[in-house]
């Protein structure tokens, strides 16, 4: 495993953490009391997405399956985190058990893909 793989994995995880914190800021008490998605949340989401994209783009192509697993996990996590914003969740319940379960499954997939990458 090279230093570049570790660096790319750190970029991916950092991007996901920043995106998650930005999106969930209101729910976890970091956001403003106002309704809606504020400019700080938008900025954080953009910064996180850039870090995530750079990490994914710079991953070696040799293990395409691992890269696909990582990207799929990121999509799953994003969809479940943003389910209410996309109109897929039950808006009255907040972050429900289905969203928690889907996010955990996505995190497990992501961890598996990254662990395989780091092992190689």
PDB file of N, CA and C in Angstrom:
ATOM      1  N   UNK A   1       0.854  -1.176   0.000  1.00  0.00           N
ATOM      2  CA  UNK A   1       0.000   0.000   0.000  1.00  0.00           C
ATOM      3  C   UNK A   1       0.891   1.227   0.000  1.00  0.00           C
ATOM      4  N   UNK A   2       0.629   2.123  -0.929  1.00  0.00           N
ATOM      5  CA  UNK A   2       1.447   3.310  -1.017  1.00  0.00           C
ATOM      6  C   UNK A   2       0.878   4.467  -0.211  1.00  0.00           C
ATOM      7  N   UNK A   3       1.732   5.464  -0.060  1.00  0.00           N
ATOM      8  CA  UNK A   3       1.325   6.669   0.653  1.00  0.00           C
ATOM      9  C   UNK A   3       0.177   7.366  -0.068  1.00  0.00           C
ATOM     10  N   UNK A   4       0.170   7.276  -1.405  1.00  0.00           N
ATOM     11  CA  UNK A   4      -0.900   7.922  -2.170  1.00  0.00           C
ATOM     12  C   UNK A   4      -2.261   7.319  -1.847  1.00  0.00           C
ATOM     13  N   UNK A   5      -2.314   5.986  -1.676  1.00  0.00           N
ATOM     14  CA  UNK A   5      -3.588   5.354  -1.329  1.00  0.00           C
ATOM     15  C   UNK A   5      -4.096   5.846   0.016  1.00  0.00           C
ATOM     16  N   UNK A   6      -3.192   5.958   0.984  1.00  0.00           N
ATOM     17  CA  UNK A   6      -3.584   6.444   2.303  1.00  0.00           C
ATOM     18  C   UNK A   6      -4.081   7.881   2.198  1.00  0.00           C
ATOM     19  N   UNK A   7      -3.347   8.708   1.473  1.00  0.00           N
ATOM     20  CA  UNK A   7      -3.726  10.107   1.304  1.00  0.00           C
ATOM     21  C   UNK A   7      -5.097  10.222   0.625  1.00  0.00           C
ATOM     22  N   UNK A   8      -5.309   9.428  -0.405  1.00  0.00           N
ATOM     23  CA  UNK A   8      -6.600   9.455  -1.099  1.00  0.00           C
ATOM     24  C   UNK A   8      -7.729   8.967  -0.203  1.00  0.00           C
ATOM     25  N   UNK A   9      -7.461   7.945   0.584  1.00  0.00           N
ATOM     26  CA  UNK A   9      -8.476   7.444   1.513  1.00  0.00           C
ATOM     27  C   UNK A   9      -8.817   8.490   2.566  1.00  0.00           C
ATOM     28  N   UNK A  10      -7.804   9.202   3.041  1.00  0.00           N
ATOM     29  CA  UNK A  10      -8.042  10.274   4.018  1.00  0.00           C
ATOM     30  C   UNK A  10      -8.883  11.378   3.391  1.00  0.00           C
ATOM     31  N   UNK A  11      -8.604  11.726   2.139  1.00  0.00           N
ATOM     32  CA  UNK A  11      -9.411  12.740   1.445  1.00  0.00           C
ATOM     33  C   UNK A  11     -10.864  12.290   1.328  1.00  0.00           C
ATOM     34  N   UNK A  12     -11.066  11.029   0.992  1.00  0.00           N
ATOM     35  CA  UNK A  12     -12.425  10.500   0.840  1.00  0.00           C
ATOM     36  C   UNK A  12     -13.172  10.552   2.169  1.00  0.00           C
ATOM     37  N   UNK A  13     -12.548  10.050   3.215  1.00  0.00           N
ATOM     38  CA  UNK A  13     -13.208  10.025   4.526  1.00  0.00           C
ATOM     39  C   UNK A  13     -13.443  11.448   5.030  1.00  0.00           C
ATOM     40  N   UNK A  14     -12.453  12.323   4.889  1.00  0.00           N
ATOM     41  CA  UNK A  14     -12.617  13.717   5.323  1.00  0.00           C
ATOM     42  C   UNK A  14     -13.757  14.384   4.557  1.00  0.00           C
ATOM     43  N   UNK A  15     -13.821  14.138   3.263  1.00  0.00           N
ATOM     44  CA  UNK A  15     -14.906  14.697   2.459  1.00  0.00           C
ATOM     45  C   UNK A  15     -16.265  14.220   2.919  1.00  0.00           C
ATOM     46  N   UNK A  16     -16.364  12.921   3.209  1.00  0.00           N
ATOM     47  CA  UNK A  16     -17.636  12.371   3.683  1.00  0.00           C
ATOM     48  C   UNK A  16     -18.023  12.930   5.045  1.00  0.00           C
ATOM     49  N   UNK A  17     -17.050  13.058   5.926  1.00  0.00           N
ATOM     50  CA  UNK A  17     -17.336  13.604   7.260  1.00  0.00           C
ATOM     51  C   UNK A  17     -17.808  15.050   7.142  1.00  0.00           C
ATOM     52  N   UNK A  18     -17.123  15.845   6.337  1.00  0.00           N
ATOM     53  CA  UNK A  18     -17.511  17.256   6.177  1.00  0.00           C
ATOM     54  C   UNK A  18     -18.893  17.366   5.535  1.00  0.00           C
ATOM     55  N   UNK A  19     -19.152  16.545   4.524  1.00  0.00           N
ATOM     56  CA  UNK A  19     -20.476  16.552   3.897  1.00  0.00           C
ATOM     57  C   UNK A  19     -21.543  16.168   4.922  1.00  0.00           C
ATOM     58  N   UNK A  20     -21.293  15.098   5.665  1.00  0.00           N
ATOM     59  CA  UNK A  20     -22.260  14.643   6.667  1.00  0.00           C
ATOM     60  C   UNK A  20     -22.528  15.692   7.723  1.00  0.00           C
ATOM     61  N   UNK A  21     -21.468  16.308   8.241  1.00  0.00           N
ATOM     62  CA  UNK A  21     -21.649  17.349   9.261  1.00  0.00           C
ATOM     63  C   UNK A  21     -22.390  18.554   8.703  1.00  0.00           C
ATOM     64  N   UNK A  22     -22.076  18.916   7.464  1.00  0.00           N
ATOM     65  CA  UNK A  22     -22.743  20.071   6.845  1.00  0.00           C
ATOM     66  C   UNK A  22     -24.224  19.805   6.621  1.00  0.00           C
ATOM     67  N   UNK A  23     -24.528  18.632   6.115  1.00  0.00           N
ATOM     68  CA  UNK A  23     -25.920  18.300   5.819  1.00  0.00           C
ATOM     69  C   UNK A  23     -26.735  18.143   7.097  1.00  0.00           C
ATOM     70  N   UNK A  24     -26.132  17.526   8.095  1.00  0.00           N
ATOM     71  CA  UNK A  24     -26.847  17.224   9.329  1.00  0.00           C
ATOM     72  C   UNK A  24     -26.655  18.294  10.412  1.00  0.00           C
ATOM     73  N   UNK A  25     -26.087  19.434  10.071  1.00  0.00           N
ATOM     74  CA  UNK A  25     -25.764  20.459  11.068  1.00  0.00           C
ATOM     75  C   UNK A  25     -26.979  20.854  11.911  1.00  0.00           C
ATOM     76  N   UNK A  26     -28.110  21.060  11.294  1.00  0.00           N
ATOM     77  CA  UNK A  26     -29.307  21.461  12.045  1.00  0.00           C
ATOM     78  C   UNK A  26     -29.775  20.348  12.987  1.00  0.00           C
ATOM     79  N   UNK A  27     -29.706  19.099  12.511  1.00  0.00           N
ATOM     80  CA  UNK A  27     -30.188  17.983  13.309  1.00  0.00           C
ATOM     81  C   UNK A  27     -29.287  17.677  14.503  1.00  0.00           C
ATOM     82  N   UNK A  28     -27.988  17.955  14.373  1.00  0.00           N
ATOM     83  CA  UNK A  28     -27.068  17.636  15.475  1.00  0.00           C
ATOM     84  C   UNK A  28     -26.696  18.860  16.299  1.00  0.00           C
ATOM     85  N   UNK A  29     -27.377  19.976  16.051  1.00  0.00           N
ATOM     86  CA  UNK A  29     -27.196  21.160  16.884  1.00  0.00           C
ATOM     87  C   UNK A  29     -26.049  22.069  16.487  1.00  0.00           C
ATOM     88  N   UNK A  30     -25.488  21.887  15.301  1.00  0.00           N
ATOM     89  CA  UNK A  30     -24.405  22.756  14.843  1.00  0.00           C
ATOM     90  C   UNK A  30     -24.906  23.894  13.953  1.00  0.00           C
ATOM     91  N   UNK A  31     -26.104  23.748  13.435  1.00  0.00           N
ATOM     92  CA  UNK A  31     -26.633  24.739  12.503  1.00  0.00           C
ATOM     93  C   UNK A  31     -27.389  25.848  13.210  1.00  0.00           C
ATOM     94  N   UNK A  32     -27.782  26.816  12.422  1.00  0.00           N
ATOM     95  CA  UNK A  32     -28.579  27.923  12.936  1.00  0.00           C
ATOM     96  C   UNK A  32     -30.011  27.450  13.166  1.00  0.00           C
ATOM     97  N   UNK A  33     -30.718  28.175  14.005  1.00  0.00           N
ATOM     98  CA  UNK A  33     -32.094  27.800  14.322  1.00  0.00           C
ATOM     99  C   UNK A  33     -33.046  28.062  13.164  1.00  0.00           C
ATOM    100  N   UNK A  34     -32.580  28.779  12.151  1.00  0.00           N
ATOM    101  CA  UNK A  34     -33.458  29.100  11.025  1.00  0.00           C
ATOM    102  C   UNK A  34     -33.788  27.843  10.233  1.00  0.00           C
ATOM    103  N   UNK A  35     -34.860  27.944   9.497  1.00  0.00           N
ATOM    104  CA  UNK A  35     -35.232  26.815   8.655  1.00  0.00           C
ATOM    105  C   UNK A  35     -34.483  26.904   7.346  1.00  0.00           C
ATOM    106  N   UNK A  36     -34.192  25.792   6.783  1.00  0.00           N
ATOM    107  CA  UNK A  36     -33.537  25.771   5.488  1.00  0.00           C
ATOM    108  C   UNK A  36     -32.067  25.424   5.582  1.00  0.00           C
ATOM    109  N   UNK A  37     -31.469  25.382   4.446  1.00  0.00           N
ATOM    110  CA  UNK A  37     -30.083  25.000   4.274  1.00  0.00           C
ATOM    111  C   UNK A  37     -29.288  26.279   4.086  1.00  0.00           C
ATOM    112  N   UNK A  38     -28.495  26.668   5.079  1.00  0.00           N
ATOM    113  CA  UNK A  38     -27.791  27.937   5.063  1.00  0.00           C
ATOM    114  C   UNK A  38     -26.541  27.936   4.200  1.00  0.00           C
ATOM    115  N   UNK A  39     -25.972  29.133   4.030  1.00  0.00           N
ATOM    116  CA  UNK A  39     -24.797  29.279   3.173  1.00  0.00           C
ATOM    117  C   UNK A  39     -23.580  28.553   3.740  1.00  0.00           C
ATOM    118  N   UNK A  40     -23.470  28.446   5.062  1.00  0.00           N
ATOM    119  CA  UNK A  40     -22.358  27.698   5.660  1.00  0.00           C
ATOM    120  C   UNK A  40     -22.500  26.205   5.362  1.00  0.00           C
ATOM    121  N   UNK A  41     -23.731  25.714   5.405  1.00  0.00           N
ATOM    122  CA  UNK A  41     -23.962  24.306   5.082  1.00  0.00           C
ATOM    123  C   UNK A  41     -23.665  24.036   3.605  1.00  0.00           C
ATOM    124  N   UNK A  42     -24.057  24.947   2.750  1.00  0.00           N
ATOM    125  CA  UNK A  42     -23.773  24.794   1.322  1.00  0.00           C
ATOM    126  C   UNK A  42     -22.265  24.797   1.098  1.00  0.00           C
ATOM    127  N   UNK A  43     -21.568  25.743   1.722  1.00  0.00           N
ATOM    128  CA  UNK A  43     -20.114  25.814   1.584  1.00  0.00           C
ATOM    129  C   UNK A  43     -19.424  24.556   2.091  1.00  0.00           C
ATOM    130  N   UNK A  44     -19.850  24.072   3.247  1.00  0.00           N
ATOM    131  CA  UNK A  44     -19.273  22.848   3.798  1.00  0.00           C
ATOM    132  C   UNK A  44     -19.515  21.646   2.910  1.00  0.00           C
ATOM    133  N   UNK A  45     -20.706  21.561   2.362  1.00  0.00           N
ATOM    134  CA  UNK A  45     -21.039  20.462   1.474  1.00  0.00           C
ATOM    135  C   UNK A  45     -20.183  20.507   0.210  1.00  0.00           C
ATOM    136  N   UNK A  46     -19.983  21.702  -0.331  1.00  0.00           N
ATOM    137  CA  UNK A  46     -19.155  21.855  -1.533  1.00  0.00           C
ATOM    138  C   UNK A  46     -17.702  21.475  -1.230  1.00  0.00           C
ATOM    139  N   UNK A  47     -17.154  21.971  -0.114  1.00  0.00           N
ATOM    140  CA  UNK A  47     -15.777  21.632   0.260  1.00  0.00           C
ATOM    141  C   UNK A  47     -15.634  20.116   0.445  1.00  0.00           C
ATOM    142  N   UNK A  48     -16.573  19.509   1.151  1.00  0.00           N
ATOM    143  CA  UNK A  48     -16.547  18.063   1.342  1.00  0.00           C
ATOM    144  C   UNK A  48     -16.638  17.305   0.033  1.00  0.00           C
ATOM    145  N   UNK A  49     -17.505  17.766  -0.874  1.00  0.00           N
ATOM    146  CA  UNK A  49     -17.655  17.110  -2.173  1.00  0.00           C
ATOM    147  C   UNK A  49     -16.367  17.215  -2.997  1.00  0.00           C
ATOM    148  N   UNK A  50     -15.694  18.357  -2.912  1.00  0.00           N
ATOM    149  CA  UNK A  50     -14.429  18.520  -3.635  1.00  0.00           C
ATOM    150  C   UNK A  50     -13.381  17.549  -3.084  1.00  0.00           C
ATOM    151  N   UNK A  51     -13.261  17.473  -1.753  1.00  0.00           N
ATOM    152  CA  UNK A  51     -12.303  16.541  -1.151  1.00  0.00           C
ATOM    153  C   UNK A  51     -12.626  15.100  -1.551  1.00  0.00           C
ATOM    154  N   UNK A  52     -13.902  14.746  -1.483  1.00  0.00           N
ATOM    155  CA  UNK A  52     -14.334  13.411  -1.864  1.00  0.00           C
ATOM    156  C   UNK A  52     -13.998  13.120  -3.325  1.00  0.00           C
ATOM    157  N   UNK A  53     -14.312  14.061  -4.203  1.00  0.00           N
ATOM    158  CA  UNK A  53     -14.053  13.874  -5.634  1.00  0.00           C
ATOM    159  C   UNK A  53     -12.562  13.733  -5.922  1.00  0.00           C
ATOM    160  N   UNK A  54     -11.750  14.576  -5.297  1.00  0.00           N
ATOM    161  CA  UNK A  54     -10.301  14.498  -5.516  1.00  0.00           C
ATOM    162  C   UNK A  54      -9.777  13.143  -5.043  1.00  0.00           C
ATOM    163  N   UNK A  55     -10.213  12.705  -3.875  1.00  0.00           N
ATOM    164  CA  UNK A  55      -9.777  11.404  -3.368  1.00  0.00           C
ATOM    165  C   UNK A  55     -10.182  10.261  -4.277  1.00  0.00           C
ATOM    166  N   UNK A  56     -11.403  10.303  -4.799  1.00  0.00           N
ATOM    167  CA  UNK A  56     -11.872   9.232  -5.682  1.00  0.00           C
ATOM    168  C   UNK A  56     -11.178   9.268  -7.038  1.00  0.00           C
ATOM    169  N   UNK A  57     -10.973  10.465  -7.566  1.00  0.00           N
ATOM    170  CA  UNK A  57     -10.346  10.600  -8.882  1.00  0.00           C
ATOM    171  C   UNK A  57      -8.896  10.123  -8.853  1.00  0.00           C
ATOM    172  N   UNK A  58      -8.206  10.393  -7.756  1.00  0.00           N
ATOM    173  CA  UNK A  58      -6.790  10.034  -7.670  1.00  0.00           C
ATOM    174  C   UNK A  58      -6.546   8.587  -7.247  1.00  0.00           C
ATOM    175  N   UNK A  59      -7.601   7.851  -6.942  1.00  0.00           N
ATOM    176  CA  UNK A  59      -7.435   6.437  -6.594  1.00  0.00           C
ATOM    177  C   UNK A  59      -6.896   5.685  -7.801  1.00  0.00           C
ATOM    178  N   UNK A  60      -6.004   4.734  -7.575  1.00  0.00           N
ATOM    179  CA  UNK A  60      -5.485   3.928  -8.689  1.00  0.00           C
ATOM    180  C   UNK A  60      -6.599   3.140  -9.366  1.00  0.00           C
ATOM    181  N   UNK A  61      -6.486   2.987 -10.654  1.00  0.00           N
ATOM    182  CA  UNK A  61      -7.530   2.307 -11.425  1.00  0.00           C
ATOM    183  C   UNK A  61      -7.387   0.791 -11.340  1.00  0.00           C
ATOM    184  N   UNK A  62      -6.258   0.298 -10.893  1.00  0.00           N
ATOM    185  CA  UNK A  62      -5.990  -1.141 -10.855  1.00  0.00           C
ATOM    186  C   UNK A  62      -7.097  -1.960 -10.226  1.00  0.00           C
ATOM    187  N   UNK A  63      -7.660  -1.521  -9.128  1.00  0.00           N
ATOM    188  CA  UNK A  63      -8.719  -2.257  -8.448  1.00  0.00           C
ATOM    189  C   UNK A  63     -10.056  -1.556  -8.671  1.00  0.00           C
ATOM    190  N   UNK A  64     -10.575  -1.704  -9.863  1.00  0.00           N
ATOM    191  CA  UNK A  64     -11.805  -1.019 -10.240  1.00  0.00           C
ATOM    192  C   UNK A  64     -12.962  -1.428  -9.336  1.00  0.00           C
ATOM    193  N   UNK A  65     -13.017  -2.693  -8.949  1.00  0.00           N
ATOM    194  CA  UNK A  65     -14.101  -3.168  -8.087  1.00  0.00           C
ATOM    195  C   UNK A  65     -14.136  -2.434  -6.759  1.00  0.00           C
ATOM    196  N   UNK A  66     -12.967  -2.206  -6.168  1.00  0.00           N
ATOM    197  CA  UNK A  66     -12.910  -1.470  -4.910  1.00  0.00           C
ATOM    198  C   UNK A  66     -13.396  -0.036  -5.098  1.00  0.00           C
ATOM    199  N   UNK A  67     -12.974   0.581  -6.202  1.00  0.00           N
ATOM    200  CA  UNK A  67     -13.408   1.953  -6.470  1.00  0.00           C
ATOM    201  C   UNK A  67     -14.918   2.026  -6.665  1.00  0.00           C
ATOM    202  N   UNK A  68     -15.469   1.051  -7.356  1.00  0.00           N
ATOM    203  CA  UNK A  68     -16.926   1.023  -7.561  1.00  0.00           C
ATOM    204  C   UNK A  68     -17.642   0.848  -6.227  1.00  0.00           C
ATOM    205  N   UNK A  69     -17.112  -0.014  -5.370  1.00  0.00           N
ATOM    206  CA  UNK A  69     -17.713  -0.221  -4.050  1.00  0.00           C
ATOM    207  C   UNK A  69     -17.669   1.071  -3.238  1.00  0.00           C
ATOM    208  N   UNK A  70     -16.549   1.765  -3.290  1.00  0.00           N
ATOM    209  CA  UNK A  70     -16.410   3.019  -2.550  1.00  0.00           C
ATOM    210  C   UNK A  70     -17.396   4.059  -3.066  1.00  0.00           C
ATOM    211  N   UNK A  71     -17.486   4.206  -4.386  1.00  0.00           N
ATOM    212  CA  UNK A  71     -18.414   5.183  -4.966  1.00  0.00           C
ATOM    213  C   UNK A  71     -19.856   4.805  -4.649  1.00  0.00           C
ATOM    214  N   UNK A  72     -20.195   3.518  -4.774  1.00  0.00           N
ATOM    215  CA  UNK A  72     -21.562   3.073  -4.467  1.00  0.00           C
ATOM    216  C   UNK A  72     -21.899   3.342  -3.008  1.00  0.00           C
ATOM    217  N   UNK A  73     -20.942   3.087  -2.116  1.00  0.00           N
ATOM    218  CA  UNK A  73     -21.174   3.351  -0.693  1.00  0.00           C
ATOM    219  C   UNK A  73     -21.411   4.835  -0.453  1.00  0.00           C
ATOM    220  N   UNK A  74     -20.656   5.680  -1.129  1.00  0.00           N
ATOM    221  CA  UNK A  74     -20.843   7.128  -0.980  1.00  0.00           C
ATOM    222  C   UNK A  74     -22.222   7.559  -1.466  1.00  0.00           C
ATOM    223  N   UNK A  75     -22.670   6.969  -2.562  1.00  0.00           N
ATOM    224  CA  UNK A  75     -24.005   7.283  -3.085  1.00  0.00           C
ATOM    225  C   UNK A  75     -25.079   6.822  -2.103  1.00  0.00           C
ATOM    226  N   UNK A  76     -24.933   5.617  -1.552  1.00  0.00           N
ATOM    227  CA  UNK A  76     -25.906   5.094  -0.583  1.00  0.00           C
ATOM    228  C   UNK A  76     -25.965   6.003   0.642  1.00  0.00           C
ATOM    229  N   UNK A  77     -24.811   6.367   1.166  1.00  0.00           N
ATOM    230  CA  UNK A  77     -24.770   7.240   2.340  1.00  0.00           C
ATOM    231  C   UNK A  77     -25.433   8.575   2.018  1.00  0.00           C
ATOM    232  N   UNK A  78     -25.083   9.148   0.874  1.00  0.00           N
ATOM    233  CA  UNK A  78     -25.669  10.429   0.486  1.00  0.00           C
ATOM    234  C   UNK A  78     -27.176  10.366   0.340  1.00  0.00           C
ATOM    235  N   UNK A  79     -27.670   9.315  -0.298  1.00  0.00           N
ATOM    236  CA  UNK A  79     -29.114   9.186  -0.482  1.00  0.00           C
ATOM    237  C   UNK A  79     -29.856   9.067   0.844  1.00  0.00           C
ATOM    238  N   UNK A  80     -29.318   8.282   1.751  1.00  0.00           N
ATOM    239  CA  UNK A  80     -29.998   8.116   3.033  1.00  0.00           C
ATOM    240  C   UNK A  80     -29.869   9.352   3.912  1.00  0.00           C
ATOM    241  N   UNK A  81     -28.727  10.039   3.852  1.00  0.00           N
ATOM    242  CA  UNK A  81     -28.585  11.270   4.628  1.00  0.00           C
ATOM    243  C   UNK A  81     -29.511  12.367   4.108  1.00  0.00           C
ATOM    244  N   UNK A  82     -29.718  12.381   2.795  1.00  0.00           N
ATOM    245  CA  UNK A  82     -30.524  13.432   2.171  1.00  0.00           C
ATOM    246  C   UNK A  82     -31.935  12.990   1.821  1.00  0.00           C
ATOM    247  N   UNK A  83     -32.383  11.878   2.347  1.00  0.00           N
ATOM    248  CA  UNK A  83     -33.705  11.342   1.982  1.00  0.00           C
ATOM    249  C   UNK A  83     -34.814  12.355   2.202  1.00  0.00           C
ATOM    250  N   UNK A  84     -34.803  13.055   3.329  1.00  0.00           N
ATOM    251  CA  UNK A  84     -35.853  14.037   3.600  1.00  0.00           C
ATOM    252  C   UNK A  84     -35.783  15.199   2.613  1.00  0.00           C
ATOM    253  N   UNK A  85     -34.580  15.654   2.296  1.00  0.00           N
ATOM    254  CA  UNK A  85     -34.426  16.760   1.355  1.00  0.00           C
ATOM    255  C   UNK A  85     -34.864  16.369  -0.057  1.00  0.00           C
ATOM    256  N   UNK A  86     -34.700  15.085  -0.418  1.00  0.00           N
ATOM    257  CA  UNK A  86     -35.123  14.601  -1.725  1.00  0.00           C
ATOM    258  C   UNK A  86     -36.598  14.225  -1.745  1.00  0.00           C
ATOM    259  N   UNK A  87     -37.259  14.284  -0.599  1.00  0.00           N
ATOM    260  CA  UNK A  87     -38.657  13.912  -0.521  1.00  0.00           C
ATOM    261  C   UNK A  87     -38.857  12.407  -0.428  1.00  0.00           C
ATOM    262  N   UNK A  88     -37.818  11.669  -0.071  1.00  0.00           N
ATOM    263  CA  UNK A  88     -37.926  10.214   0.034  1.00  0.00           C
ATOM    264  C   UNK A  88     -38.245   9.763   1.449  1.00  0.00           C
ATOM    265  N   UNK A  89     -38.001  10.606   2.422  1.00  0.00           N
ATOM    266  CA  UNK A  89     -38.232  10.242   3.819  1.00  0.00           C
ATOM    267  C   UNK A  89     -39.553  10.788   4.315  1.00  0.00           C
ATOM    268  N   UNK A  90     -39.897  10.417   5.524  1.00  0.00           N
ATOM    269  CA  UNK A  90     -41.092  10.946   6.176  1.00  0.00           C
ATOM    270  C   UNK A  90     -40.678  12.224   6.906  1.00  0.00           C
ATOM    271  N   UNK A  91     -41.028  13.367   6.363  1.00  0.00           N
ATOM    272  CA  UNK A  91     -40.552  14.651   6.873  1.00  0.00           C
ATOM    273  C   UNK A  91     -40.943  14.895   8.329  1.00  0.00           C
ATOM    274  N   UNK A  92     -42.026  14.311   8.768  1.00  0.00           N
ATOM    275  CA  UNK A  92     -42.501  14.587  10.122  1.00  0.00           C
ATOM    276  C   UNK A  92     -41.697  13.851  11.195  1.00  0.00           C
ATOM    277  N   UNK A  93     -40.964  12.816  10.818  1.00  0.00           N
ATOM    278  CA  UNK A  93     -40.270  12.014  11.814  1.00  0.00           C
ATOM    279  C   UNK A  93     -38.810  12.398  12.006  1.00  0.00           C
ATOM    280  N   UNK A  94     -38.274  13.266  11.191  1.00  0.00           N
ATOM    281  CA  UNK A  94     -36.855  13.600  11.304  1.00  0.00           C
ATOM    282  C   UNK A  94     -35.998  12.481  10.751  1.00  0.00           C
ATOM    283  N   UNK A  95     -34.853  12.268  11.341  1.00  0.00           N
ATOM    284  CA  UNK A  95     -33.922  11.237  10.890  1.00  0.00           C
ATOM    285  C   UNK A  95     -34.370   9.906  11.467  1.00  0.00           C
ATOM    286  N   UNK A  96     -35.097   9.126  10.658  1.00  0.00           N
ATOM    287  CA  UNK A  96     -35.731   7.909  11.149  1.00  0.00           C
ATOM    288  C   UNK A  96     -34.830   6.682  11.105  1.00  0.00           C
ATOM    289  N   UNK A  97     -35.385   5.577  11.572  1.00  0.00           N
ATOM    290  CA  UNK A  97     -34.617   4.340  11.671  1.00  0.00           C
ATOM    291  C   UNK A  97     -34.198   3.810  10.304  1.00  0.00           C
ATOM    292  N   UNK A  98     -34.993   4.046   9.264  1.00  0.00           N
ATOM    293  CA  UNK A  98     -34.604   3.607   7.924  1.00  0.00           C
ATOM    294  C   UNK A  98     -33.388   4.377   7.428  1.00  0.00           C
ATOM    295  N   UNK A  99     -33.369   5.682   7.712  1.00  0.00           N
ATOM    296  CA  UNK A  99     -32.219   6.490   7.321  1.00  0.00           C
ATOM    297  C   UNK A  99     -30.978   6.086   8.106  1.00  0.00           C
ATOM    298  N   UNK A 100     -31.148   5.836   9.377  1.00  0.00           N
ATOM    299  CA  UNK A 100     -30.013   5.401  10.196  1.00  0.00           C
ATOM    300  C   UNK A 100     -29.478   4.069   9.675  1.00  0.00           C
ATOM    301  N   UNK A 101     -30.382   3.131   9.428  1.00  0.00           N
ATOM    302  CA  UNK A 101     -29.972   1.822   8.910  1.00  0.00           C
ATOM    303  C   UNK A 101     -29.275   1.918   7.567  1.00  0.00           C
ATOM    304  N   UNK A 102     -29.821   2.694   6.655  1.00  0.00           N
ATOM    305  CA  UNK A 102     -29.205   2.865   5.339  1.00  0.00           C
ATOM    306  C   UNK A 102     -27.848   3.527   5.418  1.00  0.00           C
ATOM    307  N   UNK A 103     -27.740   4.516   6.287  1.00  0.00           N
ATOM    308  CA  UNK A 103     -26.455   5.199   6.465  1.00  0.00           C
ATOM    309  C   UNK A 103     -25.423   4.242   7.048  1.00  0.00           C
ATOM    310  N   UNK A 104     -25.825   3.424   7.999  1.00  0.00           N
ATOM    311  CA  UNK A 104     -24.906   2.441   8.594  1.00  0.00           C
ATOM    312  C   UNK A 104     -24.470   1.421   7.547  1.00  0.00           C
ATOM    313  N   UNK A 105     -25.402   0.942   6.726  1.00  0.00           N
ATOM    314  CA  UNK A 105     -25.059  -0.009   5.668  1.00  0.00           C
ATOM    315  C   UNK A 105     -24.066   0.633   4.689  1.00  0.00           C
ATOM    316  N   UNK A 106     -24.328   1.876   4.313  1.00  0.00           N
ATOM    317  CA  UNK A 106     -23.399   2.584   3.436  1.00  0.00           C
ATOM    318  C   UNK A 106     -22.026   2.740   4.072  1.00  0.00           C
ATOM    319  N   UNK A 107     -22.001   3.036   5.360  1.00  0.00           N
ATOM    320  CA  UNK A 107     -20.726   3.187   6.067  1.00  0.00           C
ATOM    321  C   UNK A 107     -19.969   1.863   6.119  1.00  0.00           C
ATOM    322  N   UNK A 108     -20.693   0.759   6.292  1.00  0.00           N
ATOM    323  CA  UNK A 108     -20.054  -0.560   6.312  1.00  0.00           C
ATOM    324  C   UNK A 108     -19.470  -0.878   4.931  1.00  0.00           C
ATOM    325  N   UNK A 109     -20.228  -0.589   3.880  1.00  0.00           N
ATOM    326  CA  UNK A 109     -19.719  -0.795   2.526  1.00  0.00           C
ATOM    327  C   UNK A 109     -18.481   0.066   2.272  1.00  0.00           C
ATOM    328  N   UNK A 110     -18.549   1.312   2.703  1.00  0.00           N
ATOM    329  CA  UNK A 110     -17.412   2.217   2.527  1.00  0.00           C
ATOM    330  C   UNK A 110     -16.196   1.707   3.291  1.00  0.00           C
ATOM    331  N   UNK A 111     -16.405   1.292   4.517  1.00  0.00           N
ATOM    332  CA  UNK A 111     -15.298   0.775   5.318  1.00  0.00           C
ATOM    333  C   UNK A 111     -14.688  -0.463   4.660  1.00  0.00           C
ATOM    334  N   UNK A 112     -15.527  -1.333   4.117  1.00  0.00           N
ATOM    335  CA  UNK A 112     -15.020  -2.526   3.435  1.00  0.00           C
ATOM    336  C   UNK A 112     -14.194  -2.181   2.222  1.00  0.00           C
ATOM    337  N   UNK A 113     -14.687  -1.251   1.414  1.00  0.00           N
ATOM    338  CA  UNK A 113     -13.943  -0.838   0.223  1.00  0.00           C
ATOM    339  C   UNK A 113     -12.630  -0.167   0.570  1.00  0.00           C
ATOM    340  N   UNK A 114     -12.664   0.705   1.566  1.00  0.00           N
ATOM    341  CA  UNK A 114     -11.439   1.400   1.970  1.00  0.00           C
ATOM    342  C   UNK A 114     -10.461   0.451   2.635  1.00  0.00           C
ATOM    343  N   UNK A 115     -10.962  -0.497   3.426  1.00  0.00           N
ATOM    344  CA  UNK A 115     -10.074  -1.465   4.075  1.00  0.00           C
ATOM    345  C   UNK A 115      -9.361  -2.318   3.035  1.00  0.00           C
ATOM    346  N   UNK A 116     -10.092  -2.720   2.009  1.00  0.00           N
ATOM    347  CA  UNK A 116      -9.470  -3.510   0.929  1.00  0.00           C
ATOM    348  C   UNK A 116      -8.426  -2.684   0.207  1.00  0.00           C
ATOM    349  N   UNK A 117      -8.720  -1.413  -0.036  1.00  0.00           N
ATOM    350  CA  UNK A 117      -7.766  -0.517  -0.691  1.00  0.00           C
ATOM    351  C   UNK A 117      -6.510  -0.355   0.149  1.00  0.00           C
ATOM    352  N   UNK A 118      -6.698  -0.145   1.438  1.00  0.00           N
ATOM    353  CA  UNK A 118      -5.556   0.077   2.319  1.00  0.00           C
ATOM    354  C   UNK A 118      -4.720  -1.190   2.479  1.00  0.00           C
ATOM    355  N   UNK A 119      -5.376  -2.360   2.415  1.00  0.00           N
ATOM    356  CA  UNK A 119      -4.671  -3.631   2.545  1.00  0.00           C
ATOM    357  C   UNK A 119      -3.760  -3.884   1.343  1.00  0.00           C
ATOM    358  N   UNK A 120      -4.231  -3.472   0.161  1.00  0.00           N
ATOM    359  CA  UNK A 120      -3.452  -3.675  -1.065  1.00  0.00           C
ATOM    360  C   UNK A 120      -2.320  -2.734  -1.057  1.00  0.00           C
TER     361      UNK A 120
END
